[in-house]
Amino acid sequence: MDDQQPEVQRQLDLFGEEPEASTPSADAAEYAEPVEAYCVRCRQMVDMLDGEPVWTSKGTPGTRGTCPNCGTTVFRLGKMPAHDHINRPTAVRVGSSVKVALDGKRKRMLPATYINYDPADAEFAEKLAEDLENAGVHTWIDISETAGEEVNWAGGVHPALKDSARMVVILSPQSIAAEKLTAEWTFFRTQKKPIAVVLLGGVTVPDQLRRSPRFDFSTQYKTNFRQLIAALSD
């Protein structure tokens, strides 16, 4: 076996997620010198093409690009000058919560529910997440300084999107056309994960979400909240 393979596995373990196919970005131009990385398919070190600065779920800097020989996505840990020009995200840890069984049965782990919202609805989103947690529904919500901003994640999407089992997407007149919000629920649909739609005000639900359960929180918060909990518990 190639003696580089253990080092690649070590980096992938730290990386914590398998990179998805990347596309060239303007950041690639900032790499004046070639960036070397190990190609698992070619089993050798290569000078990656279209290298771009990315961040792992732990907030560790790295570079993602493609192998010039086979086109496979390659990755290398380490900070480059281009990282100075992009936002460094807060480390992401989703985890699960333990549901206490009151009937003597075994406890079970509850996967996280991802709260997908636009900064325009941040106050409502944080309240909803807190209420869901208090009701026993484990949630993950991004309230970091980079919330709502685009981050170059090493895996191509926010790590919490991969780790969460369900999503609550909050749609309002201010957020319905938000690109980041749309991209996140679109990714969830491609993974065939359940999505619950929370409506704030008069909003036309996108066709792709019409089969998802909907709850109009612009009126009767408590009633719709109970129905939302029931839907998330199925």
Protein backbone atom coordinates (compact mmCIF):
# COMPACT_ATOMS: atom_id res chain seq x y z
CA MET A 1 0.00 0.00 0.00
CA ASP A 2 1.20 3.50 -0.76
CA ASP A 3 2.83 5.03 2.33
CA GLN A 4 0.77 8.20 1.81
CA GLN A 5 -2.51 6.41 2.50
CA PRO A 6 -2.35 6.57 6.35
CA GLU A 7 -1.78 10.32 6.20
CA VAL A 8 -4.77 10.76 3.91
CA GLN A 9 -6.96 8.74 6.26
CA ARG A 10 -5.79 10.86 9.21
CA GLN A 11 -6.82 14.02 7.40
CA LEU A 12 -10.17 12.52 6.41
CA ASP A 13 -10.79 11.57 10.05
CA LEU A 14 -10.14 15.15 11.11
CA PHE A 15 -12.12 16.38 8.16
CA GLY A 16 -15.18 14.56 9.44
CA GLU A 17 -17.08 14.53 6.14
CA GLU A 18 -16.62 13.29 2.63
CA PRO A 19 -16.07 16.16 0.18
CA GLU A 20 -18.58 16.60 -2.59
CA ALA A 21 -17.71 17.63 -6.11
CA SER A 22 -16.44 21.21 -6.19
CA THR A 23 -16.76 23.93 -8.77
CA PRO A 24 -14.11 26.56 -9.57
CA SER A 25 -14.36 29.83 -7.65
CA ALA A 26 -12.74 33.22 -7.70
CA ASP A 27 -10.73 32.18 -4.64
CA ALA A 28 -8.78 29.74 -6.77
CA ALA A 29 -6.92 32.63 -8.36
CA GLU A 30 -5.39 33.52 -4.98
CA TYR A 31 -3.31 30.34 -4.89
CA ALA A 32 -0.12 31.56 -6.55
CA GLU A 33 1.67 28.28 -5.85
CA PRO A 34 0.25 24.81 -6.61
CA VAL A 35 -1.33 23.06 -3.64
CA GLU A 36 -0.36 19.44 -3.22
CA ALA A 37 -2.88 16.88 -2.02
CA TYR A 38 -3.17 13.11 -2.03
CA CYS A 39 -5.51 11.58 -4.61
CA VAL A 40 -7.06 8.41 -3.21
CA ARG A 41 -7.96 7.11 -6.67
CA CYS A 42 -4.55 7.74 -8.26
CA ARG A 43 -2.74 6.84 -5.02
CA GLN A 44 -0.23 9.63 -5.36
CA MET A 45 0.37 13.28 -4.50
CA VAL A 46 -0.89 15.70 -7.15
CA ASP A 47 -1.03 19.45 -7.70
CA MET A 48 -4.75 20.11 -7.34
CA LEU A 49 -6.71 22.12 -9.87
CA ASP A 50 -9.19 24.88 -8.95
CA GLY A 51 -8.12 24.93 -5.32
CA GLU A 52 -10.46 26.92 -3.07
CA PRO A 53 -10.33 27.71 0.66
CA VAL A 54 -12.87 25.79 2.73
CA TRP A 55 -13.66 25.04 6.38
CA THR A 56 -14.36 21.72 8.05
CA SER A 57 -17.18 21.24 10.56
CA LYS A 58 -14.61 21.82 13.32
CA GLY A 59 -13.70 25.23 11.91
CA THR A 60 -10.38 23.94 10.60
CA PRO A 61 -9.10 25.53 7.36
CA GLY A 62 -8.38 23.41 4.33
CA THR A 63 -8.21 23.49 0.56
CA ARG A 64 -10.49 21.57 -1.80
CA GLY A 65 -9.85 21.03 -5.49
CA THR A 66 -9.75 18.37 -8.17
CA CYS A 67 -7.13 15.87 -9.27
CA PRO A 68 -5.62 16.87 -12.64
CA ASN A 69 -5.42 13.21 -13.68
CA CYS A 70 -8.78 11.66 -12.78
CA GLY A 71 -10.97 14.60 -11.73
CA THR A 72 -11.60 13.24 -8.22
CA THR A 73 -12.15 15.79 -5.45
CA VAL A 74 -9.01 16.13 -3.32
CA PHE A 75 -8.54 17.86 -0.01
CA ARG A 76 -5.70 19.16 2.13
CA LEU A 77 -5.80 20.54 5.66
CA GLY A 78 -4.01 23.78 6.44
CA LYS A 79 -4.50 27.53 6.22
CA MET A 80 -3.70 29.40 3.02
CA PRO A 81 -3.60 33.17 2.36
CA ALA A 82 -7.02 32.96 0.71
CA HIS A 83 -8.57 32.01 4.06
CA ASP A 84 -7.87 35.56 5.29
CA HIS A 85 -10.55 36.88 2.92
CA ILE A 86 -13.45 34.60 3.87
CA ASN A 87 -15.48 34.16 7.05
CA ARG A 88 -14.30 31.57 9.53
CA PRO A 89 -17.37 29.72 10.85
CA THR A 90 -18.01 28.56 14.37
CA ALA A 91 -17.36 24.86 14.87
CA VAL A 92 -20.52 22.82 14.27
CA ARG A 93 -21.63 20.04 16.59
CA VAL A 94 -25.13 18.72 16.11
CA GLY A 95 -25.32 15.59 18.24
CA SER A 96 -28.45 13.93 19.56
CA SER A 97 -30.46 14.21 22.73
CA VAL A 98 -31.66 11.36 24.92
CA LYS A 99 -35.40 10.86 25.22
CA VAL A 100 -36.28 9.65 28.70
CA ALA A 101 -38.68 6.70 28.69
CA LEU A 102 -41.28 7.01 31.44
CA ASP A 103 -42.79 3.58 30.86
CA GLY A 104 -39.69 1.58 31.73
CA LYS A 105 -38.68 1.00 28.13
CA ARG A 106 -35.22 1.68 26.79
CA LYS A 107 -34.19 5.27 26.21
CA ARG A 108 -33.60 6.30 22.62
CA MET A 109 -31.54 8.98 20.96
CA LEU A 110 -33.43 11.78 19.24
CA PRO A 111 -31.72 13.14 16.10
CA ALA A 112 -31.72 16.88 15.60
CA THR A 113 -34.34 18.91 13.76
CA TYR A 114 -32.72 21.60 11.63
CA ILE A 115 -34.32 25.05 11.91
CA ASN A 116 -33.97 26.67 8.50
CA TYR A 117 -34.65 30.40 8.61
CA ASP A 118 -33.62 33.73 7.13
CA PRO A 119 -32.06 36.41 9.39
CA ALA A 120 -35.19 38.52 8.81
CA ASP A 121 -37.09 35.95 10.91
CA ALA A 122 -34.36 35.35 13.50
CA GLU A 123 -36.39 36.42 16.55
CA PHE A 124 -39.25 34.06 15.72
CA ALA A 125 -36.87 31.22 14.76
CA GLU A 126 -35.00 31.39 18.07
CA LYS A 127 -38.25 31.40 20.04
CA LEU A 128 -39.57 28.42 18.08
CA ALA A 129 -36.34 26.48 18.59
CA GLU A 130 -36.41 27.16 22.33
CA ASP A 131 -40.06 26.13 22.62
CA LEU A 132 -39.39 22.91 20.69
CA GLU A 133 -36.44 22.06 22.94
CA ASN A 134 -38.59 22.65 26.03
CA ALA A 135 -41.22 20.35 24.52
CA GLY A 136 -38.66 17.57 24.03
CA VAL A 137 -37.85 18.08 20.34
CA HIS A 138 -34.08 18.30 19.87
CA THR A 139 -33.26 21.16 17.49
CA TRP A 140 -30.24 22.67 15.80
CA ILE A 141 -30.30 26.36 14.88
CA ASP A 142 -27.46 28.52 13.64
CA ILE A 143 -27.24 31.60 15.85
CA SER A 144 -23.54 32.22 15.24
CA GLU A 145 -22.13 35.48 13.89
CA THR A 146 -21.93 33.94 10.42
CA ALA A 147 -25.58 32.83 10.41
CA GLY A 148 -27.18 33.79 7.11
CA GLU A 149 -23.81 34.22 5.40
CA GLU A 150 -22.35 31.96 2.77
CA VAL A 151 -19.55 29.73 4.10
CA ASN A 152 -17.28 27.55 1.98
CA TRP A 153 -17.84 24.24 3.78
CA ALA A 154 -15.48 21.43 2.93
CA GLY A 155 -18.37 19.04 2.35
CA GLY A 156 -20.18 21.45 0.03
CA VAL A 157 -23.10 22.09 2.42
CA HIS A 158 -23.54 23.04 6.06
CA PRO A 159 -22.49 20.03 8.22
CA ALA A 160 -25.68 20.28 10.28
CA LEU A 161 -27.74 19.65 7.13
CA LYS A 162 -26.11 16.25 6.82
CA ASP A 163 -26.37 15.40 10.51
CA SER A 164 -29.98 16.49 11.11
CA ALA A 165 -32.84 14.06 10.47
CA ARG A 166 -35.67 16.58 10.00
CA MET A 167 -36.11 20.19 9.00
CA VAL A 168 -38.45 23.00 9.94
CA VAL A 169 -38.29 25.70 7.28
CA ILE A 170 -39.71 29.10 8.15
CA LEU A 171 -41.26 30.94 5.21
CA SER A 172 -42.30 34.60 5.39
CA PRO A 173 -42.81 37.36 2.82
CA GLN A 174 -39.29 38.57 3.68
CA SER A 175 -37.58 35.18 3.34
CA ILE A 176 -39.48 33.30 0.64
CA ALA A 177 -36.93 34.22 -2.05
CA ALA A 178 -33.78 33.92 0.11
CA GLU A 179 -31.18 31.88 -1.81
CA LYS A 180 -29.52 30.28 1.21
CA LEU A 181 -32.82 29.24 2.76
CA THR A 182 -33.98 27.76 -0.55
CA ALA A 183 -30.69 25.94 -1.14
CA GLU A 184 -30.91 24.30 2.29
CA TRP A 185 -34.43 22.92 1.94
CA THR A 186 -33.60 21.86 -1.62
CA PHE A 187 -30.63 19.84 -0.33
CA PHE A 188 -32.86 18.24 2.30
CA ARG A 189 -35.35 17.19 -0.38
CA THR A 190 -32.60 15.57 -2.46
CA GLN A 191 -31.70 13.52 0.63
CA LYS A 192 -35.38 12.51 1.01
CA LYS A 193 -35.54 13.82 4.57
CA PRO A 194 -38.85 15.08 6.00
CA ILE A 195 -39.55 18.83 5.99
CA ALA A 196 -42.19 20.71 7.96
CA VAL A 197 -43.16 24.18 6.70
CA VAL A 198 -43.89 27.02 9.12
CA LEU A 199 -45.68 29.99 7.56
CA LEU A 200 -45.50 33.58 8.76
CA GLY A 201 -47.98 35.79 6.93
CA GLY A 202 -49.29 35.43 3.41
CA VAL A 203 -46.82 33.22 1.55
CA THR A 204 -47.17 31.10 -1.57
CA VAL A 205 -45.52 27.78 -0.77
CA PRO A 206 -43.08 26.59 -3.46
CA ASP A 207 -44.39 23.69 -5.52
CA GLN A 208 -41.61 21.41 -4.26
CA LEU A 209 -42.88 21.81 -0.67
CA ARG A 210 -46.60 21.48 -1.30
CA ARG A 211 -46.65 17.89 -0.02
CA SER A 212 -44.90 18.82 3.20
CA PRO A 213 -47.05 19.46 6.29
CA ARG A 214 -47.72 23.19 6.75
CA PHE A 215 -48.48 25.21 9.86
CA ASP A 216 -49.58 28.84 9.76
CA PHE A 217 -48.03 30.49 12.82
CA SER A 218 -49.31 33.95 11.90
CA THR A 219 -52.38 33.05 13.96
CA GLN A 220 -52.97 30.64 16.87
CA TYR A 221 -49.36 29.95 17.82
CA LYS A 222 -50.19 27.37 20.51
CA THR A 223 -52.51 25.32 18.32
CA ASN A 224 -50.08 25.17 15.42
CA PHE A 225 -47.18 24.51 17.78
CA ARG A 226 -48.91 21.40 19.15
CA GLN A 227 -49.63 20.20 15.62
CA LEU A 228 -46.00 20.82 14.61
CA ILE A 229 -44.75 18.73 17.55
CA ALA A 230 -47.06 15.91 16.53
CA ALA A 231 -45.74 16.04 12.96
CA LEU A 232 -42.11 16.01 14.12
CA SER A 233 -42.80 13.05 16.40
CA ASP A 234 -44.09 10.78 13.63
